[in-house]
PDB file of N, CA and C in Angstrom:
ATOM      1  N   ALA A   1      98.500  97.272  71.917  1.00  0.00           N
ATOM      2  CA  ALA A   1      99.068  96.353  72.885  1.00  0.00           C
ATOM      3  C   ALA A   1      99.157  97.025  74.249  1.00  0.00           C
ATOM      4  N   ARG A   2      98.907  96.246  75.256  1.00  0.00           N
ATOM      5  CA  ARG A   2      98.921  96.742  76.630  1.00  0.00           C
ATOM      6  C   ARG A   2     100.305  96.529  77.246  1.00  0.00           C
ATOM      7  N   LEU A   3     100.802  97.570  77.935  1.00  0.00           N
ATOM      8  CA  LEU A   3     102.070  97.423  78.641  1.00  0.00           C
ATOM      9  C   LEU A   3     101.872  96.514  79.847  1.00  0.00           C
ATOM     10  N   PRO A   4     102.928  95.859  80.349  1.00  0.00           N
ATOM     11  CA  PRO A   4     102.800  94.917  81.473  1.00  0.00           C
ATOM     12  C   PRO A   4     102.183  95.529  82.732  1.00  0.00           C
ATOM     13  N   HIS A   5     102.394  96.817  82.996  1.00  0.00           N
ATOM     14  CA  HIS A   5     101.883  97.439  84.211  1.00  0.00           C
ATOM     15  C   HIS A   5     100.476  98.017  84.047  1.00  0.00           C
ATOM     16  N   GLU A   6      99.944  98.018  82.814  1.00  0.00           N
ATOM     17  CA  GLU A   6      98.613  98.572  82.601  1.00  0.00           C
ATOM     18  C   GLU A   6      97.547  97.573  83.045  1.00  0.00           C
ATOM     19  N   ILE A   7      96.463  98.091  83.559  1.00  0.00           N
ATOM     20  CA  ILE A   7      95.377  97.256  84.070  1.00  0.00           C
ATOM     21  C   ILE A   7      94.228  97.267  83.081  1.00  0.00           C
ATOM     22  N   ASP A   8      93.702  96.118  82.773  1.00  0.00           N
ATOM     23  CA  ASP A   8      92.515  96.014  81.934  1.00  0.00           C
ATOM     24  C   ASP A   8      91.303  96.166  82.847  1.00  0.00           C
ATOM     25  N   LEU A   9      90.874  97.424  83.054  1.00  0.00           N
ATOM     26  CA  LEU A   9      89.776  97.692  83.990  1.00  0.00           C
ATOM     27  C   LEU A   9      88.467  97.055  83.546  1.00  0.00           C
ATOM     28  N   GLU A  10      88.237  97.006  82.245  1.00  0.00           N
ATOM     29  CA  GLU A  10      87.005  96.401  81.757  1.00  0.00           C
ATOM     30  C   GLU A  10      86.938  94.930  82.146  1.00  0.00           C
ATOM     31  N   SER A  11      88.057  94.232  81.965  1.00  0.00           N
ATOM     32  CA  SER A  11      88.134  92.814  82.330  1.00  0.00           C
ATOM     33  C   SER A  11      87.991  92.632  83.839  1.00  0.00           C
ATOM     34  N   ALA A  12      88.674  93.477  84.610  1.00  0.00           N
ATOM     35  CA  ALA A  12      88.583  93.392  86.072  1.00  0.00           C
ATOM     36  C   ALA A  12      87.161  93.641  86.528  1.00  0.00           C
ATOM     37  N   PHE A  13      86.481  94.590  85.881  1.00  0.00           N
ATOM     38  CA  PHE A  13      85.094  94.899  86.242  1.00  0.00           C
ATOM     39  C   PHE A  13      84.194  93.696  85.981  1.00  0.00           C
ATOM     40  N   ARG A  14      84.362  93.055  84.818  1.00  0.00           N
ATOM     41  CA  ARG A  14      83.544  91.888  84.481  1.00  0.00           C
ATOM     42  C   ARG A  14      83.796  90.727  85.435  1.00  0.00           C
ATOM     43  N   GLN A  15      85.054  90.533  85.825  1.00  0.00           N
ATOM     44  CA  GLN A  15      85.416  89.408  86.688  1.00  0.00           C
ATOM     45  C   GLN A  15      85.243  89.724  88.163  1.00  0.00           C
ATOM     46  N   LYS A  16      84.902  90.981  88.488  1.00  0.00           N
ATOM     47  CA  LYS A  16      84.681  91.412  89.871  1.00  0.00           C
ATOM     48  C   LYS A  16      85.855  91.044  90.761  1.00  0.00           C
ATOM     49  N   ARG A  17      87.047  91.471  90.377  1.00  0.00           N
ATOM     50  CA  ARG A  17      88.247  91.176  91.152  1.00  0.00           C
ATOM     51  C   ARG A  17      88.523  92.278  92.165  1.00  0.00           C
ATOM     52  N   TRP A  18      87.600  92.527  93.059  1.00  0.00           N
ATOM     53  CA  TRP A  18      87.807  93.474  94.143  1.00  0.00           C
ATOM     54  C   TRP A  18      86.873  93.122  95.270  1.00  0.00           C
ATOM     55  N   GLY A  19      87.002  93.772  96.394  1.00  0.00           N
ATOM     56  CA  GLY A  19      86.227  93.441  97.589  1.00  0.00           C
ATOM     57  C   GLY A  19      84.799  93.924  97.543  1.00  0.00           C
ATOM     58  N   SER A  20      84.094  93.718  98.631  1.00  0.00           N
ATOM     59  CA  SER A  20      82.700  94.158  98.705  1.00  0.00           C
ATOM     60  C   SER A  20      82.351  94.646 100.101  1.00  0.00           C
ATOM     61  N   ALA A  21      83.310  95.256 100.777  1.00  0.00           N
ATOM     62  CA  ALA A  21      83.080  95.733 102.147  1.00  0.00           C
ATOM     63  C   ALA A  21      82.138  96.932 102.149  1.00  0.00           C
ATOM     64  N   ASP A  22      81.322  97.008 103.172  1.00  0.00           N
ATOM     65  CA  ASP A  22      80.466  98.159 103.405  1.00  0.00           C
ATOM     66  C   ASP A  22      81.347  99.257 103.998  1.00  0.00           C
ATOM     67  N   PRO A  23      81.105 100.537 103.653  1.00  0.00           N
ATOM     68  CA  PRO A  23      81.939 101.601 104.226  1.00  0.00           C
ATOM     69  C   PRO A  23      82.024 101.542 105.752  1.00  0.00           C
ATOM     70  N   ALA A  24      80.924 101.215 106.412  1.00  0.00           N
ATOM     71  CA  ALA A  24      80.913 101.167 107.878  1.00  0.00           C
ATOM     72  C   ALA A  24      81.841 100.070 108.406  1.00  0.00           C
ATOM     73  N   SER A  25      82.032  99.013 107.626  1.00  0.00           N
ATOM     74  CA  SER A  25      82.887  97.916 108.093  1.00  0.00           C
ATOM     75  C   SER A  25      84.368  98.298 108.089  1.00  0.00           C
ATOM     76  N   LEU A  26      84.713  99.412 107.438  1.00  0.00           N
ATOM     77  CA  LEU A  26      86.103  99.873 107.426  1.00  0.00           C
ATOM     78  C   LEU A  26      86.383 100.871 108.538  1.00  0.00           C
ATOM     79  N   ARG A  27      85.345 101.320 109.211  1.00  0.00           N
ATOM     80  CA  ARG A  27      85.483 102.351 110.236  1.00  0.00           C
ATOM     81  C   ARG A  27      86.480 101.952 111.322  1.00  0.00           C
ATOM     82  N   HIS A  28      86.507 100.673 111.703  1.00  0.00           N
ATOM     83  CA  HIS A  28      87.429 100.249 112.769  1.00  0.00           C
ATOM     84  C   HIS A  28      88.893 100.273 112.326  1.00  0.00           C
ATOM     85  N   LEU A  29      89.137 100.373 111.019  1.00  0.00           N
ATOM     86  CA  LEU A  29      90.502 100.417 110.501  1.00  0.00           C
ATOM     87  C   LEU A  29      91.024 101.838 110.319  1.00  0.00           C
ATOM     88  N   VAL A  30      90.142 102.809 110.554  1.00  0.00           N
ATOM     89  CA  VAL A  30      90.503 104.215 110.347  1.00  0.00           C
ATOM     90  C   VAL A  30      90.136 105.005 111.597  1.00  0.00           C
ATOM     91  N   GLY A  31      91.033 105.860 112.022  1.00  0.00           N
ATOM     92  CA  GLY A  31      90.771 106.649 113.222  1.00  0.00           C
ATOM     93  C   GLY A  31      91.068 105.820 114.461  1.00  0.00           C
ATOM     94  N   ASN A  32      90.604 106.281 115.579  1.00  0.00           N
ATOM     95  CA  ASN A  32      90.879 105.600 116.852  1.00  0.00           C
ATOM     96  C   ASN A  32      92.360 105.290 117.015  1.00  0.00           C
ATOM     97  N   THR A  33      93.195 106.164 116.479  1.00  0.00           N
ATOM     98  CA  THR A  33      94.636 105.970 116.589  1.00  0.00           C
ATOM     99  C   THR A  33      95.098 106.424 117.973  1.00  0.00           C
ATOM    100  N   PRO A  34      96.140 105.797 118.504  1.00  0.00           N
ATOM    101  CA  PRO A  34      96.577 106.158 119.859  1.00  0.00           C
ATOM    102  C   PRO A  34      97.158 107.567 119.933  1.00  0.00           C
ATOM    103  N   MET A  35      96.957 108.194 121.078  1.00  0.00           N
ATOM    104  CA  MET A  35      97.562 109.491 121.337  1.00  0.00           C
ATOM    105  C   MET A  35      98.781 109.256 122.226  1.00  0.00           C
ATOM    106  N   LEU A  36      99.870 109.840 121.841  1.00  0.00           N
ATOM    107  CA  LEU A  36     101.118 109.671 122.583  1.00  0.00           C
ATOM    108  C   LEU A  36     101.492 110.976 123.274  1.00  0.00           C
ATOM    109  N   ALA A  37     102.035 110.856 124.474  1.00  0.00           N
ATOM    110  CA  ALA A  37     102.557 112.017 125.186  1.00  0.00           C
ATOM    111  C   ALA A  37     104.077 111.972 125.069  1.00  0.00           C
ATOM    112  N   ILE A  38     104.638 113.044 124.569  1.00  0.00           N
ATOM    113  CA  ILE A  38     106.088 113.152 124.447  1.00  0.00           C
ATOM    114  C   ILE A  38     106.549 114.193 125.455  1.00  0.00           C
ATOM    115  N   GLU A  39     107.318 113.744 126.417  1.00  0.00           N
ATOM    116  CA  GLU A  39     107.820 114.649 127.456  1.00  0.00           C
ATOM    117  C   GLU A  39     109.257 115.003 127.158  1.00  0.00           C
ATOM    118  N   PHE A  40     109.596 116.282 127.352  1.00  0.00           N
ATOM    119  CA  PHE A  40     110.941 116.752 127.070  1.00  0.00           C
ATOM    120  C   PHE A  40     111.212 118.021 127.885  1.00  0.00           C
ATOM    121  N   ARG A  41     112.432 118.462 127.823  1.00  0.00           N
ATOM    122  CA  ARG A  41     112.811 119.709 128.497  1.00  0.00           C
ATOM    123  C   ARG A  41     113.152 120.741 127.433  1.00  0.00           C
ATOM    124  N   TYR A  42     112.698 121.958 127.676  1.00  0.00           N
ATOM    125  CA  TYR A  42     113.001 123.078 126.789  1.00  0.00           C
ATOM    126  C   TYR A  42     113.369 124.274 127.657  1.00  0.00           C
ATOM    127  N   ASN A  43     114.539 124.797 127.432  1.00  0.00           N
ATOM    128  CA  ASN A  43     115.050 125.900 128.273  1.00  0.00           C
ATOM    129  C   ASN A  43     114.948 125.560 129.761  1.00  0.00           C
ATOM    130  N   GLY A  44     115.233 124.305 130.092  1.00  0.00           N
ATOM    131  CA  GLY A  44     115.237 123.880 131.482  1.00  0.00           C
ATOM    132  C   GLY A  44     113.866 123.572 132.059  1.00  0.00           C
ATOM    133  N   GLU A  45     112.798 123.783 131.295  1.00  0.00           N
ATOM    134  CA  GLU A  45     111.431 123.510 131.782  1.00  0.00           C
ATOM    135  C   GLU A  45     110.900 122.215 131.180  1.00  0.00           C
ATOM    136  N   LYS A  46     110.173 121.475 132.015  1.00  0.00           N
ATOM    137  CA  LYS A  46     109.515 120.262 131.522  1.00  0.00           C
ATOM    138  C   LYS A  46     108.357 120.669 130.602  1.00  0.00           C
ATOM    139  N   ARG A  47     108.267 119.993 129.482  1.00  0.00           N
ATOM    140  CA  ARG A  47     107.172 120.232 128.529  1.00  0.00           C
ATOM    141  C   ARG A  47     106.579 118.893 128.120  1.00  0.00           C
ATOM    142  N   ARG A  48     105.362 118.949 127.629  1.00  0.00           N
ATOM    143  CA  ARG A  48     104.691 117.743 127.128  1.00  0.00           C
ATOM    144  C   ARG A  48     103.913 118.114 125.870  1.00  0.00           C
ATOM    145  N   VAL A  49     104.096 117.323 124.842  1.00  0.00           N
ATOM    146  CA  VAL A  49     103.381 117.497 123.587  1.00  0.00           C
ATOM    147  C   VAL A  49     102.610 116.198 123.332  1.00  0.00           C
ATOM    148  N   PHE A  50     101.375 116.334 122.910  1.00  0.00           N
ATOM    149  CA  PHE A  50     100.568 115.164 122.570  1.00  0.00           C
ATOM    150  C   PHE A  50     100.478 115.048 121.054  1.00  0.00           C
ATOM    151  N   CYS A  51     100.567 113.834 120.563  1.00  0.00           N
ATOM    152  CA  CYS A  51     100.457 113.622 119.121  1.00  0.00           C
ATOM    153  C   CYS A  51      99.671 112.337 118.848  1.00  0.00           C
ATOM    154  N   LYS A  52      99.046 112.310 117.673  1.00  0.00           N
ATOM    155  CA  LYS A  52      98.298 111.128 117.252  1.00  0.00           C
ATOM    156  C   LYS A  52      99.213 110.254 116.398  1.00  0.00           C
ATOM    157  N   LEU A  53      99.117 108.966 116.567  1.00  0.00           N
ATOM    158  CA  LEU A  53      99.926 108.021 115.808  1.00  0.00           C
ATOM    159  C   LEU A  53      99.121 107.571 114.580  1.00  0.00           C
ATOM    160  N   GLU A  54      99.037 108.475 113.598  1.00  0.00           N
ATOM    161  CA  GLU A  54      98.217 108.229 112.412  1.00  0.00           C
ATOM    162  C   GLU A  54      98.740 107.087 111.552  1.00  0.00           C
ATOM    163  N   SER A  55      99.960 106.669 111.767  1.00  0.00           N
ATOM    164  CA  SER A  55     100.494 105.547 110.998  1.00  0.00           C
ATOM    165  C   SER A  55      99.761 104.249 111.306  1.00  0.00           C
ATOM    166  N   ARG A  56      98.906 104.252 112.315  1.00  0.00           N
ATOM    167  CA  ARG A  56      98.114 103.062 112.664  1.00  0.00           C
ATOM    168  C   ARG A  56      96.825 102.963 111.849  1.00  0.00           C
ATOM    169  N   ASN A  57      96.573 103.917 110.950  1.00  0.00           N
ATOM    170  CA  ASN A  57      95.416 103.837 110.052  1.00  0.00           C
ATOM    171  C   ASN A  57      95.644 102.749 109.010  1.00  0.00           C
ATOM    172  N   LEU A  58      94.611 102.408 108.265  1.00  0.00           N
ATOM    173  CA  LEU A  58      94.654 101.330 107.269  1.00  0.00           C
ATOM    174  C   LEU A  58      95.866 101.424 106.349  1.00  0.00           C
ATOM    175  N   THR A  59      96.110 102.590 105.764  1.00  0.00           N
ATOM    176  CA  THR A  59      97.246 102.725 104.841  1.00  0.00           C
ATOM    177  C   THR A  59      98.408 103.470 105.476  1.00  0.00           C
ATOM    178  N   GLY A  60      98.299 103.779 106.758  1.00  0.00           N
ATOM    179  CA  GLY A  60      99.375 104.473 107.452  1.00  0.00           C
ATOM    180  C   GLY A  60      99.353 105.976 107.272  1.00  0.00           C
ATOM    181  N   SER A  61      98.221 106.512 106.841  1.00  0.00           N
ATOM    182  CA  SER A  61      98.153 107.940 106.551  1.00  0.00           C
ATOM    183  C   SER A  61      96.916 108.583 107.174  1.00  0.00           C
ATOM    184  N   VAL A  62      97.051 109.848 107.546  1.00  0.00           N
ATOM    185  CA  VAL A  62      95.910 110.627 108.025  1.00  0.00           C
ATOM    186  C   VAL A  62      94.877 110.793 106.905  1.00  0.00           C
ATOM    187  N   LYS A  63      95.273 110.637 105.657  1.00  0.00           N
ATOM    188  CA  LYS A  63      94.360 110.789 104.518  1.00  0.00           C
ATOM    189  C   LYS A  63      93.270 109.717 104.515  1.00  0.00           C
ATOM    190  N   ASP A  64      93.477 108.614 105.250  1.00  0.00           N
ATOM    191  CA  ASP A  64      92.444 107.570 105.339  1.00  0.00           C
ATOM    192  C   ASP A  64      91.156 108.129 105.921  1.00  0.00           C
ATOM    193  N   ARG A  65      91.264 109.011 106.910  1.00  0.00           N
ATOM    194  CA  ARG A  65      90.079 109.606 107.538  1.00  0.00           C
ATOM    195  C   ARG A  65      89.258 110.366 106.501  1.00  0.00           C
ATOM    196  N   MET A  66      89.938 111.176 105.710  1.00  0.00           N
ATOM    197  CA  MET A  66      89.270 111.990 104.703  1.00  0.00           C
ATOM    198  C   MET A  66      88.641 111.115 103.613  1.00  0.00           C
ATOM    199  N   ALA A  67      89.385 110.145 103.122  1.00  0.00           N
ATOM    200  CA  ALA A  67      88.874 109.283 102.055  1.00  0.00           C
ATOM    201  C   ALA A  67      87.647 108.500 102.517  1.00  0.00           C
ATOM    202  N   LEU A  68      87.697 107.949 103.720  1.00  0.00           N
ATOM    203  CA  LEU A  68      86.550 107.191 104.230  1.00  0.00           C
ATOM    204  C   LEU A  68      85.345 108.106 104.420  1.00  0.00           C
ATOM    205  N   HIS A  69      85.569 109.295 104.946  1.00  0.00           N
ATOM    206  CA  HIS A  69      84.467 110.250 105.141  1.00  0.00           C
ATOM    207  C   HIS A  69      83.812 110.600 103.795  1.00  0.00           C
ATOM    208  N   ILE A  70      84.613 110.900 102.793  1.00  0.00           N
ATOM    209  CA  ILE A  70      84.074 111.252 101.475  1.00  0.00           C
ATOM    210  C   ILE A  70      83.292 110.089 100.885  1.00  0.00           C
ATOM    211  N   LEU A  71      83.820 108.869 100.983  1.00  0.00           N
ATOM    212  CA  LEU A  71      83.127 107.706 100.428  1.00  0.00           C
ATOM    213  C   LEU A  71      81.847 107.389 101.202  1.00  0.00           C
ATOM    214  N   GLU A  72      81.891 107.501 102.522  1.00  0.00           N
ATOM    215  CA  GLU A  72      80.669 107.278 103.318  1.00  0.00           C
ATOM    216  C   GLU A  72      79.604 108.290 102.929  1.00  0.00           C
ATOM    217  N   ASP A  73      79.987 109.553 102.799  1.00  0.00           N
ATOM    218  CA  ASP A  73      79.046 110.605 102.432  1.00  0.00           C
ATOM    219  C   ASP A  73      78.494 110.369 101.021  1.00  0.00           C
ATOM    220  N   ALA A  74      79.342 109.948 100.104  1.00  0.00           N
ATOM    221  CA  ALA A  74      78.898 109.678  98.735  1.00  0.00           C
ATOM    222  C   ALA A  74      77.865 108.553  98.699  1.00  0.00           C
ATOM    223  N   TYR A  75      78.052 107.522  99.531  1.00  0.00           N
ATOM    224  CA  TYR A  75      77.058 106.444  99.614  1.00  0.00           C
ATOM    225  C   TYR A  75      75.745 106.958 100.206  1.00  0.00           C
ATOM    226  N   LYS A  76      75.838 107.724 101.286  1.00  0.00           N
ATOM    227  CA  LYS A  76      74.632 108.238 101.957  1.00  0.00           C
ATOM    228  C   LYS A  76      73.807 109.130 101.049  1.00  0.00           C
ATOM    229  N   THR A  77      74.474 109.928 100.222  1.00  0.00           N
ATOM    230  CA  THR A  77      73.767 110.874  99.354  1.00  0.00           C
ATOM    231  C   THR A  77      73.458 110.295  97.978  1.00  0.00           C
ATOM    232  N   GLY A  78      73.841 109.054  97.743  1.00  0.00           N
ATOM    233  CA  GLY A  78      73.540 108.404  96.476  1.00  0.00           C
ATOM    234  C   GLY A  78      74.424 108.839  95.319  1.00  0.00           C
ATOM    235  N   LYS A  79      75.540 109.480  95.612  1.00  0.00           N
ATOM    236  CA  LYS A  79      76.440 109.934  94.550  1.00  0.00           C
ATOM    237  C   LYS A  79      77.309 108.809  94.008  1.00  0.00           C
ATOM    238  N   ILE A  80      77.367 107.699  94.732  1.00  0.00           N
ATOM    239  CA  ILE A  80      78.157 106.550  94.302  1.00  0.00           C
ATOM    240  C   ILE A  80      77.407 105.277  94.699  1.00  0.00           C
ATOM    241  N   ALA A  81      77.560 104.258  93.888  1.00  0.00           N
ATOM    242  CA  ALA A  81      76.911 102.970  94.157  1.00  0.00           C
ATOM    243  C   ALA A  81      77.948 101.861  93.985  1.00  0.00           C
ATOM    244  N   LYS A  82      77.638 100.679  94.514  1.00  0.00           N
ATOM    245  CA  LYS A  82      78.544  99.536  94.393  1.00  0.00           C
ATOM    246  C   LYS A  82      78.953  99.355  92.932  1.00  0.00           C
ATOM    247  N   GLY A  83      80.231  99.153  92.724  1.00  0.00           N
ATOM    248  CA  GLY A  83      80.739  98.890  91.386  1.00  0.00           C
ATOM    249  C   GLY A  83      81.105 100.114  90.574  1.00  0.00           C
ATOM    250  N   ASP A  84      80.690 101.321  91.006  1.00  0.00           N
ATOM    251  CA  ASP A  84      81.075 102.538  90.287  1.00  0.00           C
ATOM    252  C   ASP A  84      82.582 102.709  90.341  1.00  0.00           C
ATOM    253  N   MET A  85      83.145 103.230  89.258  1.00  0.00           N
ATOM    254  CA  MET A  85      84.589 103.446  89.235  1.00  0.00           C
ATOM    255  C   MET A  85      84.950 104.708  90.005  1.00  0.00           C
ATOM    256  N   ILE A  86      86.024 104.635  90.779  1.00  0.00           N
ATOM    257  CA  ILE A  86      86.581 105.795  91.481  1.00  0.00           C
ATOM    258  C   ILE A  86      87.834 106.202  90.724  1.00  0.00           C
ATOM    259  N   VAL A  87      87.882 107.482  90.347  1.00  0.00           N
ATOM    260  CA  VAL A  87      89.053 108.010  89.654  1.00  0.00           C
ATOM    261  C   VAL A  87      89.684 109.048  90.565  1.00  0.00           C
ATOM    262  N   GLU A  88      90.936 108.835  90.909  1.00  0.00           N
ATOM    263  CA  GLU A  88      91.673 109.743  91.798  1.00  0.00           C
ATOM    264  C   GLU A  88      92.986 110.085  91.112  1.00  0.00           C
ATOM    265  N   ALA A  89      93.229 111.373  90.884  1.00  0.00           N
ATOM    266  CA  ALA A  89      94.410 111.818  90.139  1.00  0.00           C
ATOM    267  C   ALA A  89      95.685 111.821  90.970  1.00  0.00           C
ATOM    268  N   SER A  90      95.570 111.754  92.280  1.00  0.00           N
ATOM    269  CA  SER A  90      96.747 111.837  93.141  1.00  0.00           C
ATOM    270  C   SER A  90      97.544 110.539  93.121  1.00  0.00           C
ATOM    271  N   SER A  91      98.853 110.676  93.174  1.00  0.00           N
ATOM    272  CA  SER A  91      99.696 109.491  93.321  1.00  0.00           C
ATOM    273  C   SER A  91     100.287 109.449  94.726  1.00  0.00           C
ATOM    274  N   GLY A  92      99.815 110.357  95.588  1.00  0.00           N
ATOM    275  CA  GLY A  92     100.317 110.432  96.958  1.00  0.00           C
ATOM    276  C   GLY A  92      99.410 109.690  97.931  1.00  0.00           C
ATOM    277  N   ASN A  93      99.440 110.113  99.188  1.00  0.00           N
ATOM    278  CA  ASN A  93      98.672 109.448 100.236  1.00  0.00           C
ATOM    279  C   ASN A  93      97.172 109.469  99.973  1.00  0.00           C
ATOM    280  N   THR A  94      96.658 110.548  99.397  1.00  0.00           N
ATOM    281  CA  THR A  94      95.227 110.604  99.096  1.00  0.00           C
ATOM    282  C   THR A  94      94.854 109.515  98.099  1.00  0.00           C
ATOM    283  N   GLY A  95      95.636 109.376  97.053  1.00  0.00           N
ATOM    284  CA  GLY A  95      95.368 108.347  96.055  1.00  0.00           C
ATOM    285  C   GLY A  95      95.462 106.945  96.625  1.00  0.00           C
ATOM    286  N   ILE A  96      96.448 106.730  97.480  1.00  0.00           N
ATOM    287  CA  ILE A  96      96.614 105.419  98.109  1.00  0.00           C
ATOM    288  C   ILE A  96      95.409 105.107  98.994  1.00  0.00           C
ATOM    289  N   SER A  97      94.943 106.089  99.745  1.00  0.00           N
ATOM    290  CA  SER A  97      93.784 105.879 100.626  1.00  0.00           C
ATOM    291  C   SER A  97      92.528 105.578  99.824  1.00  0.00           C
ATOM    292  N   PHE A  98      92.267 106.350  98.761  1.00  0.00           N
ATOM    293  CA  PHE A  98      91.089 106.087  97.933  1.00  0.00           C
ATOM    294  C   PHE A  98      91.197 104.729  97.244  1.00  0.00           C
ATOM    295  N   ALA A  99      92.392 104.353  96.816  1.00  0.00           N
ATOM    296  CA  ALA A  99      92.567 103.057  96.160  1.00  0.00           C
ATOM    297  C   ALA A  99      92.278 101.916  97.127  1.00  0.00           C
ATOM    298  N   ALA A 100      92.838 101.980  98.329  1.00  0.00           N
ATOM    299  CA  ALA A 100      92.638 100.911  99.317  1.00  0.00           C
ATOM    300  C   ALA A 100      91.179 100.813  99.739  1.00  0.00           C
ATOM    301  N   MET A 101      90.580 101.948 100.073  1.00  0.00           N
ATOM    302  CA  MET A 101      89.178 101.938 100.531  1.00  0.00           C
ATOM    303  C   MET A 101      88.234 101.587  99.394  1.00  0.00           C
ATOM    304  N   GLY A 102      88.482 102.182  98.235  1.00  0.00           N
ATOM    305  CA  GLY A 102      87.614 101.915  97.088  1.00  0.00           C
ATOM    306  C   GLY A 102      87.597 100.451  96.713  1.00  0.00           C
ATOM    307  N   ARG A 103      88.771  99.841  96.641  1.00  0.00           N
ATOM    308  CA  ARG A 103      88.837  98.414  96.301  1.00  0.00           C
ATOM    309  C   ARG A 103      88.152  97.563  97.364  1.00  0.00           C
ATOM    310  N   ALA A 104      88.353  97.908  98.621  1.00  0.00           N
ATOM    311  CA  ALA A 104      87.726  97.151  99.707  1.00  0.00           C
ATOM    312  C   ALA A 104      86.207  97.268  99.658  1.00  0.00           C
ATOM    313  N   MET A 105      85.704  98.386  99.125  1.00  0.00           N
ATOM    314  CA  MET A 105      84.256  98.607  99.041  1.00  0.00           C
ATOM    315  C   MET A 105      83.646  98.065  97.753  1.00  0.00           C
ATOM    316  N   GLY A 106      84.466  97.520  96.893  1.00  0.00           N
ATOM    317  CA  GLY A 106      83.920  96.917  95.665  1.00  0.00           C
ATOM    318  C   GLY A 106      83.960  97.808  94.451  1.00  0.00           C
ATOM    319  N   HIS A 107      84.924  98.691  94.382  1.00  0.00           N
ATOM    320  CA  HIS A 107      85.035  99.609  93.250  1.00  0.00           C
ATOM    321  C   HIS A 107      86.324  99.385  92.487  1.00  0.00           C
ATOM    322  N   PRO A 108      86.260  99.469  91.155  1.00  0.00           N
ATOM    323  CA  PRO A 108      87.519  99.577  90.426  1.00  0.00           C
ATOM    324  C   PRO A 108      88.048 100.990  90.684  1.00  0.00           C
ATOM    325  N   VAL A 109      89.337 101.141  90.795  1.00  0.00           N
ATOM    326  CA  VAL A 109      89.936 102.448  91.089  1.00  0.00           C
ATOM    327  C   VAL A 109      91.004 102.731  90.051  1.00  0.00           C
ATOM    328  N   ALA A 110      90.946 103.936  89.492  1.00  0.00           N
ATOM    329  CA  ALA A 110      91.946 104.333  88.481  1.00  0.00           C
ATOM    330  C   ALA A 110      92.564 105.638  88.890  1.00  0.00           C
TER     331      ALA A 110
END
């Protein structure tokens, strides 16, 4: 018996319940994040620090850049094809990025 939170990947694969975006079509959702200037005083001197607002990426993480790069490279080199399963052991930002991008590209993700 399957627990309520378990996914029947075989059934999902047969029914094609995921997207079919090309990796290049996700490029506008990753990167190109705004750079912010933060001005402050330290020991009486004006200082400025620049930072990237990575929360503007698809899943809100800098890991989106890495996941998209790896998937684009895998497509270019023929290491992955439409419909191939992506298995990612991380439950953190890396896993979330691979899950979001993988599903958008037409892959079951586990």
